PDB file of N, CA and C in Angstrom:
ATOM      1  N   MET A   1      -6.303 -13.983 -13.660  1.00  0.00           N
ATOM      2  CA  MET A   1      -6.564 -15.216 -14.479  1.00  0.00           C
ATOM      3  C   MET A   1      -5.924 -15.884 -15.514  1.00  0.00           C
ATOM      4  N   GLN A   2      -5.517 -15.939 -16.064  1.00  0.00           N
ATOM      5  CA  GLN A   2      -4.073 -16.192 -16.518  1.00  0.00           C
ATOM      6  C   GLN A   2      -3.165 -17.487 -15.981  1.00  0.00           C
ATOM      7  N   ARG A   3      -3.252 -16.993 -14.948  1.00  0.00           N
ATOM      8  CA  ARG A   3      -2.595 -17.716 -14.045  1.00  0.00           C
ATOM      9  C   ARG A   3      -2.497 -18.308 -13.376  1.00  0.00           C
ATOM     10  N   GLY A   4      -4.490 -19.169 -13.510  1.00  0.00           N
ATOM     11  CA  GLY A   4      -5.096 -20.334 -13.363  1.00  0.00           C
ATOM     12  C   GLY A   4      -5.564 -19.323 -11.637  1.00  0.00           C
ATOM     13  N   GLN A   5      -5.848 -18.313 -11.766  1.00  0.00           N
ATOM     14  CA  GLN A   5      -6.696 -18.191 -10.069  1.00  0.00           C
ATOM     15  C   GLN A   5      -7.248 -17.993 -10.708  1.00  0.00           C
ATOM     16  N   TRP A   6      -8.787 -18.073 -10.825  1.00  0.00           N
ATOM     17  CA  TRP A   6     -10.287 -18.723 -11.635  1.00  0.00           C
ATOM     18  C   TRP A   6     -10.720 -18.001 -10.225  1.00  0.00           C
ATOM     19  N   SER A   7     -11.008 -18.134  -9.309  1.00  0.00           N
ATOM     20  CA  SER A   7     -11.849 -18.296  -8.307  1.00  0.00           C
ATOM     21  C   SER A   7     -11.245 -17.386  -7.513  1.00  0.00           C
ATOM     22  N   GLN A   8     -10.225 -16.096  -7.615  1.00  0.00           N
ATOM     23  CA  GLN A   8     -10.447 -15.215  -6.993  1.00  0.00           C
ATOM     24  C   GLN A   8     -10.549 -13.895  -7.977  1.00  0.00           C
ATOM     25  N   ALA A   9     -10.463 -14.283  -8.878  1.00  0.00           N
ATOM     26  CA  ALA A   9     -10.895 -13.522  -9.966  1.00  0.00           C
ATOM     27  C   ALA A   9     -12.545 -13.401  -9.682  1.00  0.00           C
ATOM     28  N   GLU A  10     -12.895 -14.105  -9.919  1.00  0.00           N
ATOM     29  CA  GLU A  10     -14.764 -14.275  -9.377  1.00  0.00           C
ATOM     30  C   GLU A  10     -15.270 -13.505  -8.236  1.00  0.00           C
ATOM     31  N   ASP A  11     -14.388 -13.888  -7.474  1.00  0.00           N
ATOM     32  CA  ASP A  11     -14.950 -13.012  -6.053  1.00  0.00           C
ATOM     33  C   ASP A  11     -14.648 -11.612  -6.598  1.00  0.00           C
ATOM     34  N   LEU A  12     -13.636 -10.970  -6.962  1.00  0.00           N
ATOM     35  CA  LEU A  12     -13.294 -10.052  -7.124  1.00  0.00           C
ATOM     36  C   LEU A  12     -14.469  -9.227  -7.867  1.00  0.00           C
ATOM     37  N   ILE A  13     -14.637  -9.827  -9.625  1.00  0.00           N
ATOM     38  CA  ILE A  13     -15.410  -9.039 -10.185  1.00  0.00           C
ATOM     39  C   ILE A  13     -17.284  -9.526  -9.369  1.00  0.00           C
ATOM     40  N   TRP A  14     -16.980  -9.981  -9.092  1.00  0.00           N
ATOM     41  CA  TRP A  14     -18.332 -10.180  -8.770  1.00  0.00           C
ATOM     42  C   TRP A  14     -18.440  -8.960  -6.876  1.00  0.00           C
ATOM     43  N   GLY A  15     -17.410  -8.630  -6.381  1.00  0.00           N
ATOM     44  CA  GLY A  15     -17.146  -7.639  -5.534  1.00  0.00           C
ATOM     45  C   GLY A  15     -17.531  -6.561  -6.051  1.00  0.00           C
ATOM     46  N   SER A  16     -17.405  -6.097  -7.312  1.00  0.00           N
ATOM     47  CA  SER A  16     -16.839  -4.728  -8.443  1.00  0.00           C
ATOM     48  C   SER A  16     -18.397  -5.053  -8.680  1.00  0.00           C
ATOM     49  N   LEU A  17     -19.493  -5.767  -9.349  1.00  0.00           N
ATOM     50  CA  LEU A  17     -20.767  -5.550  -9.630  1.00  0.00           C
ATOM     51  C   LEU A  17     -21.015  -4.995  -8.788  1.00  0.00           C
ATOM     52  N   VAL A  18     -20.848  -5.827  -7.713  1.00  0.00           N
ATOM     53  CA  VAL A  18     -21.916  -5.824  -6.002  1.00  0.00           C
ATOM     54  C   VAL A  18     -21.697  -4.407  -6.086  1.00  0.00           C
ATOM     55  N   ALA A  19     -20.721  -3.871  -5.336  1.00  0.00           N
ATOM     56  CA  ALA A  19     -20.743  -2.090  -5.567  1.00  0.00           C
ATOM     57  C   ALA A  19     -21.002  -0.958  -6.561  1.00  0.00           C
ATOM     58  N   ALA A  20     -20.553  -2.048  -8.011  1.00  0.00           N
ATOM     59  CA  ALA A  20     -21.538  -0.759  -8.813  1.00  0.00           C
ATOM     60  C   ALA A  20     -22.887  -0.433  -9.303  1.00  0.00           C
ATOM     61  N   THR A  21     -23.167  -1.624  -9.205  1.00  0.00           N
ATOM     62  CA  THR A  21     -24.926  -1.742  -8.572  1.00  0.00           C
ATOM     63  C   THR A  21     -25.101  -1.056  -7.683  1.00  0.00           C
ATOM     64  N   ARG A  22     -24.499  -1.218  -6.656  1.00  0.00           N
ATOM     65  CA  ARG A  22     -25.404  -0.734  -5.508  1.00  0.00           C
ATOM     66  C   ARG A  22     -24.948   0.668  -5.577  1.00  0.00           C
ATOM     67  N   GLY A  23     -23.882   1.478  -6.424  1.00  0.00           N
ATOM     68  CA  GLY A  23     -23.849   2.783  -6.357  1.00  0.00           C
ATOM     69  C   GLY A  23     -24.655   3.212  -7.319  1.00  0.00           C
ATOM     70  N   VAL A  24     -25.601   2.473  -8.520  1.00  0.00           N
ATOM     71  CA  VAL A  24     -26.417   3.694  -9.513  1.00  0.00           C
ATOM     72  C   VAL A  24     -27.773   3.064  -8.509  1.00  0.00           C
ATOM     73  N   ALA A  25     -27.964   2.161  -7.669  1.00  0.00           N
ATOM     74  CA  ALA A  25     -28.722   2.007  -7.008  1.00  0.00           C
ATOM     75  C   ALA A  25     -28.990   2.636  -5.522  1.00  0.00           C
ATOM     76  N   LEU A  26     -28.622   3.287  -4.938  1.00  0.00           N
ATOM     77  CA  LEU A  26     -28.431   4.642  -3.742  1.00  0.00           C
ATOM     78  C   LEU A  26     -28.333   5.101  -4.647  1.00  0.00           C
ATOM     79  N   TRP A  27     -27.707   5.625  -6.538  1.00  0.00           N
ATOM     80  CA  TRP A  27     -27.778   6.882  -6.523  1.00  0.00           C
ATOM     81  C   TRP A  27     -28.961   7.579  -6.688  1.00  0.00           C
ATOM     82  N   TYR A  28     -29.747   6.417  -7.304  1.00  0.00           N
ATOM     83  CA  TYR A  28     -31.542   6.513  -7.864  1.00  0.00           C
ATOM     84  C   TYR A  28     -32.400   6.324  -6.584  1.00  0.00           C
ATOM     85  N   GLY A  29     -32.123   6.039  -4.901  1.00  0.00           N
ATOM     86  CA  GLY A  29     -32.660   5.690  -4.235  1.00  0.00           C
ATOM     87  C   GLY A  29     -33.435   4.369  -4.171  1.00  0.00           C
ATOM     88  N   GLU A  30     -32.904   3.480  -4.705  1.00  0.00           N
ATOM     89  CA  GLU A  30     -32.780   1.752  -4.962  1.00  0.00           C
ATOM     90  C   GLU A  30     -32.705   1.475  -3.596  1.00  0.00           C
ATOM     91  N   ASP A  31     -34.028   0.590  -2.920  1.00  0.00           N
ATOM     92  CA  ASP A  31     -33.075   0.159  -2.233  1.00  0.00           C
ATOM     93  C   ASP A  31     -31.913  -1.556  -2.224  1.00  0.00           C
ATOM     94  N   THR A  32     -31.785  -1.132  -1.258  1.00  0.00           N
ATOM     95  CA  THR A  32     -30.261  -2.720  -1.684  1.00  0.00           C
ATOM     96  C   THR A  32     -29.729  -3.608  -0.781  1.00  0.00           C
ATOM     97  N   GLY A  33     -30.942  -3.792  -0.422  1.00  0.00           N
ATOM     98  CA  GLY A  33     -31.058  -4.964   0.751  1.00  0.00           C
ATOM     99  C   GLY A  33     -30.453  -5.689   0.764  1.00  0.00           C
ATOM    100  N   ASP A  34     -30.376  -6.669  -0.546  1.00  0.00           N
ATOM    101  CA  ASP A  34     -30.206  -8.163  -1.107  1.00  0.00           C
ATOM    102  C   ASP A  34     -30.807  -8.514  -2.511  1.00  0.00           C
ATOM    103  N   ASP A  35     -29.172  -8.744  -2.839  1.00  0.00           N
ATOM    104  CA  ASP A  35     -28.958  -9.885  -4.187  1.00  0.00           C
ATOM    105  C   ASP A  35     -29.916  -9.283  -5.011  1.00  0.00           C
ATOM    106  N   THR A  36     -31.210 -10.431  -4.750  1.00  0.00           N
ATOM    107  CA  THR A  36     -31.960  -9.998  -5.393  1.00  0.00           C
ATOM    108  C   THR A  36     -32.764  -8.536  -6.148  1.00  0.00           C
ATOM    109  N   LYS A  37     -32.483  -7.956  -5.048  1.00  0.00           N
ATOM    110  CA  LYS A  37     -33.563  -6.752  -5.311  1.00  0.00           C
ATOM    111  C   LYS A  37     -32.219  -5.515  -6.691  1.00  0.00           C
ATOM    112  N   LEU A  38     -30.908  -5.992  -5.866  1.00  0.00           N
ATOM    113  CA  LEU A  38     -29.356  -5.709  -6.691  1.00  0.00           C
ATOM    114  C   LEU A  38     -29.548  -5.969  -8.099  1.00  0.00           C
ATOM    115  N   ARG A  39     -30.288  -7.472  -7.945  1.00  0.00           N
ATOM    116  CA  ARG A  39     -30.423  -7.849  -9.962  1.00  0.00           C
ATOM    117  C   ARG A  39     -31.614  -7.725 -10.307  1.00  0.00           C
ATOM    118  N   GLU A  40     -32.780  -7.281  -9.649  1.00  0.00           N
ATOM    119  CA  GLU A  40     -33.346  -6.744  -9.984  1.00  0.00           C
ATOM    120  C   GLU A  40     -33.745  -4.920 -10.942  1.00  0.00           C
ATOM    121  N   PHE A  41     -33.112  -4.769 -10.135  1.00  0.00           N
ATOM    122  CA  PHE A  41     -32.773  -3.178 -10.257  1.00  0.00           C
ATOM    123  C   PHE A  41     -31.828  -3.401 -11.321  1.00  0.00           C
ATOM    124  N   LEU A  42     -30.625  -3.787 -11.101  1.00  0.00           N
ATOM    125  CA  LEU A  42     -29.891  -4.037 -12.990  1.00  0.00           C
ATOM    126  C   LEU A  42     -30.475  -4.250 -14.030  1.00  0.00           C
ATOM    127  N   ARG A  43     -31.182  -5.433 -13.568  1.00  0.00           N
ATOM    128  CA  ARG A  43     -31.509  -6.113 -15.119  1.00  0.00           C
ATOM    129  C   ARG A  43     -33.027  -4.612 -15.384  1.00  0.00           C
ATOM    130  N   ARG A  44     -33.592  -3.902 -14.451  1.00  0.00           N
ATOM    131  CA  ARG A  44     -34.501  -2.574 -15.392  1.00  0.00           C
ATOM    132  C   ARG A  44     -33.835  -1.067 -15.794  1.00  0.00           C
ATOM    133  N   VAL A  45     -32.729  -2.005 -14.857  1.00  0.00           N
ATOM    134  CA  VAL A  45     -31.571  -0.328 -15.113  1.00  0.00           C
ATOM    135  C   VAL A  45     -31.405  -1.146 -17.348  1.00  0.00           C
ATOM    136  N   GLY A  46     -30.678  -1.917 -17.229  1.00  0.00           N
ATOM    137  CA  GLY A  46     -30.491  -2.475 -18.330  1.00  0.00           C
ATOM    138  C   GLY A  46     -31.675  -2.307 -20.206  1.00  0.00           C
ATOM    139  N   GLU A  47     -32.509  -2.991 -19.568  1.00  0.00           N
ATOM    140  CA  GLU A  47     -33.958  -3.381 -20.194  1.00  0.00           C
ATOM    141  C   GLU A  47     -34.409  -1.473 -20.610  1.00  0.00           C
ATOM    142  N   ALA A  48     -34.079  -1.140 -19.483  1.00  0.00           N
ATOM    143  CA  ALA A  48     -34.605   0.991 -19.291  1.00  0.00           C
ATOM    144  C   ALA A  48     -33.397   1.482 -20.676  1.00  0.00           C
ATOM    145  N   GLU A  49     -32.579   1.028 -20.884  1.00  0.00           N
ATOM    146  CA  GLU A  49     -31.666   1.960 -21.048  1.00  0.00           C
ATOM    147  C   GLU A  49     -31.188   0.825 -22.852  1.00  0.00           C
ATOM    148  N   GLN A  50     -31.352  -0.052 -22.700  1.00  0.00           N
ATOM    149  CA  GLN A  50     -30.876  -1.084 -23.456  1.00  0.00           C
ATOM    150  C   GLN A  50     -29.815  -1.576 -24.244  1.00  0.00           C
ATOM    151  N   ASP A  51     -29.562  -2.133 -22.930  1.00  0.00           N
ATOM    152  CA  ASP A  51     -27.851  -2.016 -22.630  1.00  0.00           C
ATOM    153  C   ASP A  51     -27.721  -3.810 -22.031  1.00  0.00           C
ATOM    154  N   ARG A  52     -27.546  -4.649 -23.064  1.00  0.00           N
ATOM    155  CA  ARG A  52     -27.298  -5.510 -22.273  1.00  0.00           C
ATOM    156  C   ARG A  52     -26.375  -6.141 -21.594  1.00  0.00           C
ATOM    157  N   TYR A  53     -25.271  -5.104 -22.047  1.00  0.00           N
ATOM    158  CA  TYR A  53     -24.316  -5.778 -20.682  1.00  0.00           C
ATOM    159  C   TYR A  53     -24.756  -5.478 -19.471  1.00  0.00           C
ATOM    160  N   ILE A  54     -25.604  -4.616 -19.290  1.00  0.00           N
ATOM    161  CA  ILE A  54     -25.850  -4.418 -17.914  1.00  0.00           C
ATOM    162  C   ILE A  54     -27.192  -4.532 -17.021  1.00  0.00           C
ATOM    163  N   ARG A  55     -28.021  -5.435 -18.769  1.00  0.00           N
ATOM    164  CA  ARG A  55     -28.358  -6.494 -18.204  1.00  0.00           C
ATOM    165  C   ARG A  55     -28.728  -7.278 -17.401  1.00  0.00           C
ATOM    166  N   ASP A  56     -28.001  -7.594 -18.273  1.00  0.00           N
ATOM    167  CA  ASP A  56     -27.419  -9.685 -18.308  1.00  0.00           C
ATOM    168  C   ASP A  56     -26.379  -9.666 -17.686  1.00  0.00           C
ATOM    169  N   ALA A  57     -25.363  -8.671 -16.739  1.00  0.00           N
ATOM    170  CA  ALA A  57     -24.665  -8.615 -15.784  1.00  0.00           C
ATOM    171  C   ALA A  57     -24.365  -9.997 -14.918  1.00  0.00           C
ATOM    172  N   PHE A  58     -25.275 -10.118 -14.609  1.00  0.00           N
ATOM    173  CA  PHE A  58     -25.471 -10.953 -13.316  1.00  0.00           C
ATOM    174  C   PHE A  58     -25.806 -12.179 -13.985  1.00  0.00           C
ATOM    175  N   ASP A  59     -26.084 -12.644 -15.026  1.00  0.00           N
ATOM    176  CA  ASP A  59     -26.519 -13.536 -15.779  1.00  0.00           C
ATOM    177  C   ASP A  59     -25.274 -14.245 -16.172  1.00  0.00           C
ATOM    178  N   HIS A  60     -24.214 -13.115 -16.940  1.00  0.00           N
ATOM    179  CA  HIS A  60     -22.350 -13.504 -17.196  1.00  0.00           C
ATOM    180  C   HIS A  60     -22.091 -13.876 -15.966  1.00  0.00           C
ATOM    181  N   LEU A  61     -22.230 -13.529 -15.380  1.00  0.00           N
ATOM    182  CA  LEU A  61     -21.342 -13.695 -13.852  1.00  0.00           C
ATOM    183  C   LEU A  61     -21.795 -15.171 -13.085  1.00  0.00           C
ATOM    184  N   SER A  62     -23.346 -15.414 -13.607  1.00  0.00           N
ATOM    185  CA  SER A  62     -22.780 -16.926 -13.187  1.00  0.00           C
ATOM    186  C   SER A  62     -22.618 -18.011 -13.988  1.00  0.00           C
ATOM    187  N   ALA A  63     -22.649 -17.536 -15.031  1.00  0.00           N
ATOM    188  CA  ALA A  63     -21.908 -18.046 -17.008  1.00  0.00           C
ATOM    189  C   ALA A  63     -21.123 -18.406 -16.466  1.00  0.00           C
ATOM    190  N   MET A  64     -19.919 -17.590 -15.975  1.00  0.00           N
ATOM    191  CA  MET A  64     -18.455 -16.946 -15.782  1.00  0.00           C
ATOM    192  C   MET A  64     -18.244 -18.347 -14.434  1.00  0.00           C
ATOM    193  N   ALA A  65     -19.086 -18.401 -13.218  1.00  0.00           N
ATOM    194  CA  ALA A  65     -18.323 -19.246 -12.976  1.00  0.00           C
ATOM    195  C   ALA A  65     -18.771 -21.004 -13.606  1.00  0.00           C
ATOM    196  N   ASP A  66     -19.785 -21.226 -13.969  1.00  0.00           N
ATOM    197  CA  ASP A  66     -19.867 -22.744 -15.154  1.00  0.00           C
ATOM    198  C   ASP A  66     -18.339 -23.088 -15.837  1.00  0.00           C
ATOM    199  N   THR A  67     -18.737 -21.519 -16.528  1.00  0.00           N
ATOM    200  CA  THR A  67     -17.241 -21.758 -16.982  1.00  0.00           C
ATOM    201  C   THR A  67     -16.019 -22.338 -16.477  1.00  0.00           C
ATOM    202  N   ALA A  68     -15.564 -20.898 -15.282  1.00  0.00           N
ATOM    203  CA  ALA A  68     -14.475 -21.133 -14.825  1.00  0.00           C
ATOM    204  C   ALA A  68     -14.091 -23.148 -14.731  1.00  0.00           C
ATOM    205  N   GLU A  69     -15.523 -23.416 -13.762  1.00  0.00           N
ATOM    206  CA  GLU A  69     -15.530 -24.868 -13.855  1.00  0.00           C
ATOM    207  C   GLU A  69     -15.606 -26.202 -15.604  1.00  0.00           C
ATOM    208  N   ARG A  70     -15.942 -25.786 -15.963  1.00  0.00           N
ATOM    209  CA  ARG A  70     -15.256 -26.437 -16.814  1.00  0.00           C
ATOM    210  C   ARG A  70     -13.899 -26.207 -17.094  1.00  0.00           C
ATOM    211  N   VAL A  71     -12.997 -25.323 -17.155  1.00  0.00           N
ATOM    212  CA  VAL A  71     -12.019 -25.060 -17.973  1.00  0.00           C
ATOM    213  C   VAL A  71     -11.267 -26.147 -16.584  1.00  0.00           C
ATOM    214  N   ARG A  72     -11.350 -25.436 -15.346  1.00  0.00           N
ATOM    215  CA  ARG A  72     -10.996 -26.574 -14.127  1.00  0.00           C
ATOM    216  C   ARG A  72     -10.494 -27.612 -15.001  1.00  0.00           C
ATOM    217  N   GLU A  73     -11.753 -28.320 -15.072  1.00  0.00           N
ATOM    218  CA  GLU A  73     -12.139 -30.063 -15.396  1.00  0.00           C
ATOM    219  C   GLU A  73     -11.409 -30.570 -17.308  1.00  0.00           C
ATOM    220  N   ARG A  74     -10.665 -28.837 -17.154  1.00  0.00           N
ATOM    221  CA  ARG A  74     -10.386 -29.174 -18.888  1.00  0.00           C
ATOM    222  C   ARG A  74     -11.768 -29.235 -19.689  1.00  0.00           C
ATOM    223  N   ARG A  75     -12.566 -29.256 -19.929  1.00  0.00           N
ATOM    224  CA  ARG A  75     -13.698 -29.602 -20.636  1.00  0.00           C
ATOM    225  C   ARG A  75     -14.409 -28.499 -21.760  1.00  0.00           C
ATOM    226  N   THR A  76     -13.194 -27.125 -21.881  1.00  0.00           N
ATOM    227  CA  THR A  76     -13.401 -26.314 -22.516  1.00  0.00           C
ATOM    228  C   THR A  76     -11.646 -25.446 -22.520  1.00  0.00           C
ATOM    229  N   ARG A  77     -12.225 -24.466 -23.038  1.00  0.00           N
ATOM    230  CA  ARG A  77     -10.968 -23.484 -23.205  1.00  0.00           C
ATOM    231  C   ARG A  77     -11.204 -22.394 -22.420  1.00  0.00           C
ATOM    232  N   VAL A  78      -9.584 -21.920 -22.310  1.00  0.00           N
ATOM    233  CA  VAL A  78      -9.581 -20.718 -20.896  1.00  0.00           C
ATOM    234  C   VAL A  78      -9.897 -19.122 -22.001  1.00  0.00           C
ATOM    235  N   ASP A  79     -10.241 -19.147 -23.061  1.00  0.00           N
ATOM    236  CA  ASP A  79      -9.954 -18.067 -24.012  1.00  0.00           C
ATOM    237  C   ASP A  79     -11.970 -17.614 -24.052  1.00  0.00           C
ATOM    238  N   TYR A  80     -12.612 -18.402 -23.272  1.00  0.00           N
ATOM    239  CA  TYR A  80     -13.843 -18.687 -23.480  1.00  0.00           C
ATOM    240  C   TYR A  80     -14.201 -17.059 -21.781  1.00  0.00           C
ATOM    241  N   LEU A  81     -13.946 -17.815 -21.551  1.00  0.00           N
ATOM    242  CA  LEU A  81     -13.963 -17.404 -19.387  1.00  0.00           C
ATOM    243  C   LEU A  81     -13.321 -16.223 -20.032  1.00  0.00           C
ATOM    244  N   ILE A  82     -12.141 -15.657 -20.556  1.00  0.00           N
ATOM    245  CA  ILE A  82     -11.713 -14.766 -20.903  1.00  0.00           C
ATOM    246  C   ILE A  82     -12.909 -13.596 -21.735  1.00  0.00           C
ATOM    247  N   LEU A  83     -13.735 -13.699 -22.367  1.00  0.00           N
ATOM    248  CA  LEU A  83     -14.951 -13.263 -23.416  1.00  0.00           C
ATOM    249  C   LEU A  83     -15.928 -13.441 -22.437  1.00  0.00           C
ATOM    250  N   ALA A  84     -16.107 -14.006 -21.593  1.00  0.00           N
ATOM    251  CA  ALA A  84     -16.834 -13.852 -20.542  1.00  0.00           C
ATOM    252  C   ALA A  84     -16.653 -12.436 -19.839  1.00  0.00           C
ATOM    253  N   MET A  85     -15.492 -12.993 -19.113  1.00  0.00           N
ATOM    254  CA  MET A  85     -15.014 -11.612 -18.073  1.00  0.00           C
ATOM    255  C   MET A  85     -15.034 -10.153 -19.122  1.00  0.00           C
ATOM    256  N   ASP A  86     -14.170 -10.395 -20.136  1.00  0.00           N
ATOM    257  CA  ASP A  86     -14.771  -8.901 -20.954  1.00  0.00           C
ATOM    258  C   ASP A  86     -16.232  -8.081 -20.753  1.00  0.00           C
ATOM    259  N   ASP A  87     -17.323  -9.066 -21.280  1.00  0.00           N
ATOM    260  CA  ASP A  87     -17.986  -8.624 -21.291  1.00  0.00           C
ATOM    261  C   ASP A  87     -18.686  -8.206 -19.473  1.00  0.00           C
ATOM    262  N   LEU A  88     -18.674  -8.368 -18.316  1.00  0.00           N
ATOM    263  CA  LEU A  88     -18.752  -8.653 -17.408  1.00  0.00           C
ATOM    264  C   LEU A  88     -18.140  -7.358 -17.202  1.00  0.00           C
ATOM    265  N   ASP A  89     -17.106  -6.462 -17.659  1.00  0.00           N
ATOM    266  CA  ASP A  89     -15.944  -5.877 -17.382  1.00  0.00           C
ATOM    267  C   ASP A  89     -16.604  -3.883 -18.445  1.00  0.00           C
ATOM    268  N   GLU A  90     -17.186  -4.798 -19.080  1.00  0.00           N
ATOM    269  CA  GLU A  90     -17.567  -3.418 -19.725  1.00  0.00           C
ATOM    270  C   GLU A  90     -18.971  -3.022 -18.694  1.00  0.00           C
ATOM    271  N   GLY A  91     -20.098  -4.670 -18.596  1.00  0.00           N
ATOM    272  CA  GLY A  91     -20.734  -3.993 -17.670  1.00  0.00           C
ATOM    273  C   GLY A  91     -20.655  -3.157 -16.183  1.00  0.00           C
ATOM    274  N   ILE A  92     -20.118  -3.359 -15.875  1.00  0.00           N
ATOM    275  CA  ILE A  92     -19.831  -2.886 -14.552  1.00  0.00           C
ATOM    276  C   ILE A  92     -19.042  -1.546 -15.167  1.00  0.00           C
ATOM    277  N   ASP A  93     -17.352  -1.405 -16.166  1.00  0.00           N
ATOM    278  CA  ASP A  93     -17.739   0.095 -16.826  1.00  0.00           C
ATOM    279  C   ASP A  93     -19.057   1.300 -17.216  1.00  0.00           C
ATOM    280  N   ARG A  94     -19.862   0.544 -17.623  1.00  0.00           N
ATOM    281  CA  ARG A  94     -20.773   1.270 -18.361  1.00  0.00           C
ATOM    282  C   ARG A  94     -21.758   1.292 -16.666  1.00  0.00           C
ATOM    283  N   LEU A  95     -21.891   0.562 -16.195  1.00  0.00           N
ATOM    284  CA  LEU A  95     -22.207   0.582 -14.608  1.00  0.00           C
ATOM    285  C   LEU A  95     -21.507   2.211 -13.581  1.00  0.00           C
ATOM    286  N   VAL A  96     -20.703   2.275 -13.546  1.00  0.00           N
ATOM    287  CA  VAL A  96     -19.721   3.000 -13.115  1.00  0.00           C
ATOM    288  C   VAL A  96     -20.189   4.766 -13.495  1.00  0.00           C
ATOM    289  N   ALA A  97     -20.098   4.088 -14.593  1.00  0.00           N
ATOM    290  CA  ALA A  97     -20.476   5.553 -15.721  1.00  0.00           C
ATOM    291  C   ALA A  97     -21.226   6.326 -16.159  1.00  0.00           C
ATOM    292  N   ARG A  98     -22.739   5.908 -15.034  1.00  0.00           N
ATOM    293  CA  ARG A  98     -24.114   6.219 -14.446  1.00  0.00           C
ATOM    294  C   ARG A  98     -23.972   6.879 -13.395  1.00  0.00           C
ATOM    295  N   ILE A  99     -23.108   6.473 -12.917  1.00  0.00           N
ATOM    296  CA  ILE A  99     -23.024   6.980 -11.654  1.00  0.00           C
ATOM    297  C   ILE A  99     -22.013   8.434 -11.195  1.00  0.00           C
ATOM    298  N   PRO A 100     -23.066   9.842 -11.050  1.00  0.00           N
ATOM    299  CA  PRO A 100     -22.037  10.970 -11.188  1.00  0.00           C
ATOM    300  C   PRO A 100     -20.561  10.671 -10.642  1.00  0.00           C
ATOM    301  N   GLY A 101     -19.954  11.645 -11.557  1.00  0.00           N
ATOM    302  CA  GLY A 101     -18.497  11.302 -11.615  1.00  0.00           C
ATOM    303  C   GLY A 101     -17.638   9.826 -11.703  1.00  0.00           C
ATOM    304  N   GLY A 102     -18.693   9.672 -11.349  1.00  0.00           N
ATOM    305  CA  GLY A 102     -18.095   7.587 -11.552  1.00  0.00           C
ATOM    306  C   GLY A 102     -16.610   7.160 -12.554  1.00  0.00           C
ATOM    307  N   ASP A 103     -16.835   7.954 -14.133  1.00  0.00           N
ATOM    308  CA  ASP A 103     -16.397   8.061 -14.915  1.00  0.00           C
ATOM    309  C   ASP A 103     -14.607   9.132 -14.372  1.00  0.00           C
ATOM    310  N   GLU A 104     -14.574   9.759 -13.686  1.00  0.00           N
ATOM    311  CA  GLU A 104     -13.239  10.582 -13.657  1.00  0.00           C
ATOM    312  C   GLU A 104     -12.580   9.247 -13.074  1.00  0.00           C
ATOM    313  N   PRO A 105     -11.518  10.022 -13.237  1.00  0.00           N
ATOM    314  CA  PRO A 105     -10.093   9.691 -12.681  1.00  0.00           C
ATOM    315  C   PRO A 105     -10.157   9.593 -10.972  1.00  0.00           C
ATOM    316  N   LEU A 106      -9.240   8.674  -9.938  1.00  0.00           N
ATOM    317  CA  LEU A 106      -9.629   9.006  -8.577  1.00  0.00           C
ATOM    318  C   LEU A 106      -8.515   9.843  -8.417  1.00  0.00           C
ATOM    319  N   PRO A 107      -8.876  10.585  -6.819  1.00  0.00           N
ATOM    320  CA  PRO A 107      -7.899  11.861  -6.903  1.00  0.00           C
ATOM    321  C   PRO A 107      -6.758  10.756  -6.339  1.00  0.00           C
ATOM    322  N   SER A 108      -5.461  10.918  -7.056  1.00  0.00           N
ATOM    323  CA  SER A 108      -3.631  10.523  -6.707  1.00  0.00           C
ATOM    324  C   SER A 108      -4.508  11.123  -4.669  1.00  0.00           C
ATOM    325  N   ALA A 109      -3.285   9.181  -4.611  1.00  0.00           N
ATOM    326  CA  ALA A 109      -3.252   9.317  -2.718  1.00  0.00           C
ATOM    327  C   ALA A 109      -1.816  10.025  -2.646  1.00  0.00           C
ATOM    328  N   ASP A 110      -1.023  10.783  -3.201  1.00  0.00           N
ATOM    329  CA  ASP A 110       0.834  11.220  -3.814  1.00  0.00           C
ATOM    330  C   ASP A 110       0.331  11.947  -2.312  1.00  0.00           C
ATOM    331  N   PRO A 111       0.818  12.648  -0.940  1.00  0.00           N
ATOM    332  CA  PRO A 111       0.720  13.366   0.341  1.00  0.00           C
ATOM    333  C   PRO A 111       1.013  14.554  -0.156  1.00  0.00           C
ATOM    334  N   ASP A 112       2.215  14.519  -1.608  1.00  0.00           N
ATOM    335  CA  ASP A 112       2.353  15.573  -1.936  1.00  0.00           C
ATOM    336  C   ASP A 112       1.326  16.442  -2.634  1.00  0.00           C
ATOM    337  N   ASP A 113       0.511  16.308  -3.212  1.00  0.00           N
ATOM    338  CA  ASP A 113      -0.976  16.721  -3.924  1.00  0.00           C
ATOM    339  C   ASP A 113      -1.110  17.695  -3.253  1.00  0.00           C
ATOM    340  N   ASP A 114      -1.925  19.020  -3.807  1.00  0.00           N
ATOM    341  CA  ASP A 114      -2.802  19.770  -3.096  1.00  0.00           C
ATOM    342  C   ASP A 114      -3.922  18.518  -2.967  1.00  0.00           C
ATOM    343  N   VAL A 115      -4.147  18.703  -1.179  1.00  0.00           N
ATOM    344  CA  VAL A 115      -5.594  17.834  -1.273  1.00  0.00           C
ATOM    345  C   VAL A 115      -6.081  18.833  -0.045  1.00  0.00           C
ATOM    346  N   ALA A 116      -7.721  19.872   0.104  1.00  0.00           N
ATOM    347  CA  ALA A 116      -8.107  19.453   1.011  1.00  0.00           C
ATOM    348  C   ALA A 116      -7.680  18.705   2.180  1.00  0.00           C
ATOM    349  N   ASP A 117      -7.901  19.519   3.259  1.00  0.00           N
ATOM    350  CA  ASP A 117      -7.116  19.336   4.701  1.00  0.00           C
ATOM    351  C   ASP A 117      -8.898  19.399   5.456  1.00  0.00           C
ATOM    352  N   PHE A 118      -9.525  18.312   5.714  1.00  0.00           N
ATOM    353  CA  PHE A 118     -10.747  18.420   6.936  1.00  0.00           C
ATOM    354  C   PHE A 118     -10.332  17.454   7.994  1.00  0.00           C
ATOM    355  N   GLY A 119      -9.220  17.786   8.722  1.00  0.00           N
ATOM    356  CA  GLY A 119      -8.789  17.075   9.564  1.00  0.00           C
ATOM    357  C   GLY A 119      -9.174  18.695  10.767  1.00  0.00           C
ATOM    358  N   GLY A 120      -9.623  20.153  11.042  1.00  0.00           N
ATOM    359  CA  GLY A 120      -9.610  21.199  11.293  1.00  0.00           C
ATOM    360  C   GLY A 120      -8.212  21.171  11.761  1.00  0.00           C
TER     361      GLY A 120
END
């Protein structure tokens, strides 16, 4: 974002939010067929847990797109965009932590590590 690649950053954060929401929804056996169902699910989870970062994540993402447009047109400062991104990042982190094992570090991709061989 600091290099001005706002569209790419927005695409990446959108994908991260959708993936995290789908992961939690699937864990709870919720239908993840379309964006509307994902938004409704996320709002319900956020309200049930009284967590505004989760409840408002899609709203923050929409606001981020508007803020990015204002920054491009030089009607606002880039630090507002960074603040919106921080709220989204916190919401995504909190979602991932709700997936069992989601807050654990990813396994190493180093081929020298001891890894189970499922190849047979």
